[in-house]
Amino acid sequence: MTVIHWLGLLHPVLVILFVYPVVGATIRLGILVREKRLGITRQPDLVPVEHAAHGAWVTAGVVVAVLIAMVFSLLANGWPSGGVPRLLLLGLVSGGTLVALLQVRRAALRACFALLCWAGLLALGSQPEIWRLSDNPFSAGFWSSHYWSGVLLSGLLLFTTAARPEITRQPRFRRLHLTLNLLVMVLLAVQAITGTRDLLRMP
């Protein structure tokens, strides 16, 4: 195996060893938070805090894994001539705004940083060197694309992280949070299937 092959494995290894276990812990903590809110069981006051912290770690892990995958695609297919500074800037925008998102308090700033981070990922993914099964939403390839389901997953997780205080305080945001995270679980399963499929296509 070459260095590029090892780099290609870094993305799935990070997801398998970190993201999916933390997702499981986050779901379990979410169930405990719901039981605490409904008075079904008595839970420590720290449980909601831990649930939110685990959710932030899932979002950060997914964004970092996406960035690693894009770097692999760029290296495997050749950096675009004269485009390295621009790509580095987009990567810094994505990573930097994620860090800022995890720190800011005001709702407007949280929403802006989440959108900036997602826009940075989309801009990086739009490079011709990034392999996408299809860009046509009317084709079967688009809906079975590891890239596009990963982009959607990242966007949903960024929204959840940005709306964390509102989810805590407002029932309608909690219901939206629950609905979106059912979709997140489906997308995580899709990512596992399509990611395994795409690994078999590595040169």
Protein backbone atom coordinates (compact mmCIF):
# COMPACT_ATOMS: atom_id res chain seq x y z
CA MET A 1 0.00 0.00 0.00
CA THR A 2 1.16 3.50 -0.82
CA VAL A 3 1.02 6.60 1.40
CA ILE A 4 -2.08 7.71 -0.52
CA HIS A 5 -3.80 4.42 0.30
CA TRP A 6 -3.03 4.86 4.01
CA LEU A 7 -4.39 8.41 3.84
CA GLY A 8 -7.51 7.06 2.16
CA LEU A 9 -8.04 4.72 5.11
CA LEU A 10 -7.71 7.55 7.66
CA HIS A 11 -11.21 8.84 6.88
CA PRO A 12 -13.10 5.55 7.51
CA VAL A 13 -10.89 4.69 10.49
CA LEU A 14 -11.73 8.01 12.16
CA VAL A 15 -15.44 7.47 11.51
CA ILE A 16 -15.44 3.86 12.75
CA LEU A 17 -13.27 4.36 15.83
CA PHE A 18 -14.56 7.76 16.92
CA VAL A 19 -17.73 9.04 15.22
CA TYR A 20 -19.94 5.94 15.39
CA PRO A 21 -19.13 5.08 19.04
CA VAL A 22 -19.79 8.69 20.07
CA VAL A 23 -23.05 8.62 18.08
CA GLY A 24 -24.12 5.58 20.10
CA ALA A 25 -23.29 7.32 23.38
CA THR A 26 -25.12 10.46 22.23
CA ILE A 27 -28.27 8.50 21.40
CA ARG A 28 -28.18 6.76 24.78
CA LEU A 29 -27.73 10.08 26.60
CA GLY A 30 -30.56 11.58 24.54
CA ILE A 31 -32.90 8.81 25.71
CA LEU A 32 -31.88 9.49 29.31
CA VAL A 33 -32.49 13.23 28.84
CA ARG A 34 -35.99 12.52 27.53
CA GLU A 35 -36.71 10.19 30.46
CA LYS A 36 -35.49 12.87 32.86
CA ARG A 37 -37.67 15.56 31.23
CA LEU A 38 -40.78 13.34 31.30
CA GLY A 39 -40.12 12.17 34.85
CA ILE A 40 -39.85 8.52 33.82
CA THR A 41 -36.51 8.04 35.59
CA ARG A 42 -34.35 10.18 37.82
CA GLN A 43 -31.14 11.23 36.10
CA PRO A 44 -28.22 13.41 37.23
CA ASP A 45 -28.35 17.07 36.18
CA LEU A 46 -25.15 16.49 34.21
CA VAL A 47 -26.85 14.16 31.70
CA PRO A 48 -28.26 16.94 29.40
CA VAL A 49 -24.88 18.69 29.44
CA GLU A 50 -23.12 15.45 28.49
CA HIS A 51 -25.66 14.80 25.73
CA ALA A 52 -25.01 18.25 24.20
CA ALA A 53 -21.24 17.83 24.52
CA HIS A 54 -21.32 14.43 22.82
CA GLY A 55 -23.42 15.89 20.00
CA ALA A 56 -20.84 18.64 19.46
CA TRP A 57 -18.09 16.01 19.31
CA VAL A 58 -20.05 14.07 16.68
CA THR A 59 -20.40 17.21 14.55
CA ALA A 60 -16.70 18.04 14.90
CA GLY A 61 -15.70 14.46 14.10
CA VAL A 62 -17.83 14.34 10.96
CA VAL A 63 -16.55 17.70 9.67
CA VAL A 64 -12.91 16.68 10.28
CA ALA A 65 -13.53 13.31 8.59
CA VAL A 66 -15.07 15.07 5.56
CA LEU A 67 -12.07 17.41 5.31
CA ILE A 68 -9.68 14.43 5.46
CA ALA A 69 -11.63 12.67 2.71
CA MET A 70 -11.45 15.74 0.50
CA VAL A 71 -7.70 16.12 1.05
CA PHE A 72 -7.30 12.46 0.06
CA SER A 73 -9.33 12.99 -3.13
CA LEU A 74 -7.29 16.06 -4.04
CA LEU A 75 -3.97 14.29 -3.47
CA ALA A 76 -5.09 11.13 -5.27
CA ASN A 77 -6.32 13.05 -8.34
CA GLY A 78 -3.75 15.84 -8.41
CA TRP A 79 -3.93 19.33 -6.93
CA PRO A 80 -5.40 21.91 -9.35
CA SER A 81 -2.74 24.16 -10.76
CA GLY A 82 -2.57 27.49 -8.93
CA GLY A 83 -5.45 26.49 -6.68
CA VAL A 84 -3.61 25.36 -3.55
CA PRO A 85 -3.92 28.69 -1.64
CA ARG A 86 -7.63 28.86 -2.43
CA LEU A 87 -8.21 25.29 -1.27
CA LEU A 88 -6.20 25.86 1.90
CA LEU A 89 -8.29 28.97 2.57
CA LEU A 90 -11.52 27.00 2.13
CA GLY A 91 -10.23 24.32 4.49
CA LEU A 92 -9.34 26.93 7.09
CA VAL A 93 -12.79 28.51 6.67
CA SER A 94 -14.45 25.15 7.35
CA GLY A 95 -12.27 24.20 10.30
CA GLY A 96 -12.10 27.70 11.77
CA THR A 97 -15.82 28.33 11.60
CA LEU A 98 -16.50 24.98 13.24
CA VAL A 99 -14.29 25.95 16.18
CA ALA A 100 -16.00 29.34 16.38
CA LEU A 101 -19.42 27.70 16.21
CA LEU A 102 -18.63 25.61 19.27
CA GLN A 103 -17.68 28.75 21.24
CA VAL A 104 -20.14 31.53 20.32
CA ARG A 105 -23.30 32.27 22.33
CA ARG A 106 -25.50 34.56 20.21
CA ALA A 107 -28.04 32.78 17.99
CA ALA A 108 -27.31 34.89 14.89
CA LEU A 109 -23.58 34.20 15.13
CA ARG A 110 -24.17 30.48 15.64
CA ALA A 111 -26.36 30.36 12.53
CA CYS A 112 -23.78 32.34 10.49
CA PHE A 113 -20.87 30.13 11.53
CA ALA A 114 -22.84 26.94 10.81
CA LEU A 115 -23.71 28.20 7.32
CA LEU A 116 -20.12 29.33 6.69
CA CYS A 117 -18.74 25.96 7.71
CA TRP A 118 -21.22 24.11 5.50
CA ALA A 119 -20.56 26.51 2.61
CA GLY A 120 -16.83 25.86 3.00
CA LEU A 121 -17.40 22.10 2.76
CA LEU A 122 -19.59 22.57 -0.32
CA ALA A 123 -16.99 24.83 -1.95
CA LEU A 124 -14.24 22.30 -1.32
CA GLY A 125 -16.43 19.47 -2.58
CA SER A 126 -17.25 21.34 -5.79
CA GLN A 127 -13.65 21.04 -7.00
CA PRO A 128 -13.40 18.77 -10.07
CA GLU A 129 -10.79 16.62 -8.31
CA ILE A 130 -13.34 15.57 -5.67
CA TRP A 131 -15.01 12.37 -6.83
CA ARG A 132 -18.80 12.49 -6.79
CA LEU A 133 -20.92 9.67 -8.18
CA SER A 134 -23.33 12.15 -9.79
CA ASP A 135 -24.32 15.80 -9.50
CA ASN A 136 -27.72 15.27 -11.11
CA PRO A 137 -30.45 15.04 -8.44
CA PHE A 138 -32.71 13.27 -10.97
CA SER A 139 -30.30 10.33 -11.30
CA ALA A 140 -29.99 7.26 -9.10
CA GLY A 141 -26.27 7.94 -8.72
CA PHE A 142 -26.94 11.20 -6.88
CA TRP A 143 -29.07 9.51 -4.22
CA SER A 144 -26.56 6.69 -3.74
CA SER A 145 -23.59 9.08 -3.63
CA HIS A 146 -21.36 8.87 -0.54
CA TYR A 147 -20.35 12.48 -1.10
CA TRP A 148 -23.83 14.01 -1.24
CA SER A 149 -25.21 12.02 1.69
CA GLY A 150 -22.11 13.07 3.65
CA VAL A 151 -22.68 16.73 2.79
CA LEU A 152 -26.32 16.50 3.90
CA LEU A 153 -25.27 14.72 7.11
CA SER A 154 -22.73 17.47 7.86
CA GLY A 155 -25.36 20.17 7.31
CA LEU A 156 -27.87 18.52 9.64
CA LEU A 157 -25.27 18.07 12.38
CA LEU A 158 -24.09 21.66 12.04
CA PHE A 159 -27.68 22.87 12.36
CA THR A 160 -28.19 20.77 15.50
CA THR A 161 -25.01 22.15 17.05
CA ALA A 162 -25.95 25.72 16.16
CA ALA A 163 -29.48 25.34 17.57
CA ARG A 164 -28.38 23.61 20.81
CA PRO A 165 -29.65 26.34 23.22
CA GLU A 166 -32.98 26.61 21.39
CA ILE A 167 -33.40 22.82 21.49
CA THR A 168 -32.91 22.94 25.26
CA ARG A 169 -35.45 25.70 25.82
CA GLN A 170 -38.18 25.27 23.18
CA PRO A 171 -40.37 22.16 22.65
CA ARG A 172 -40.83 22.84 18.92
CA PHE A 173 -37.06 22.83 18.42
CA ARG A 174 -36.83 19.59 20.41
CA ARG A 175 -39.39 17.98 18.12
CA LEU A 176 -37.48 19.23 15.06
CA HIS A 177 -34.24 17.98 16.63
CA LEU A 178 -35.73 14.51 17.10
CA THR A 179 -37.11 14.39 13.55
CA LEU A 180 -33.86 15.53 11.96
CA ASN A 181 -31.83 13.08 13.99
CA LEU A 182 -33.94 10.19 12.75
CA LEU A 183 -32.79 11.28 9.29
CA VAL A 184 -29.21 11.57 10.62
CA MET A 185 -29.34 7.93 11.74
CA VAL A 186 -30.55 6.87 8.28
CA LEU A 187 -27.75 8.89 6.66
CA LEU A 188 -25.16 7.32 8.97
CA ALA A 189 -26.32 3.88 7.79
CA VAL A 190 -26.19 5.05 4.16
CA GLN A 191 -22.69 6.42 4.75
CA ALA A 192 -21.52 3.09 6.14
CA ILE A 193 -22.87 1.21 3.11
CA THR A 194 -21.74 3.60 0.38
CA GLY A 195 -18.38 4.22 2.08
CA THR A 196 -17.63 0.49 2.11
CA ARG A 197 -18.67 0.30 -1.54
CA ASP A 198 -16.39 3.19 -2.51
CA LEU A 199 -13.40 1.72 -0.65
CA LEU A 200 -13.52 -1.21 -3.06
CA ARG A 201 -13.03 1.30 -5.91
CA MET A 202 -9.80 2.77 -4.51
CA PRO A 203 -7.03 2.54 -7.15
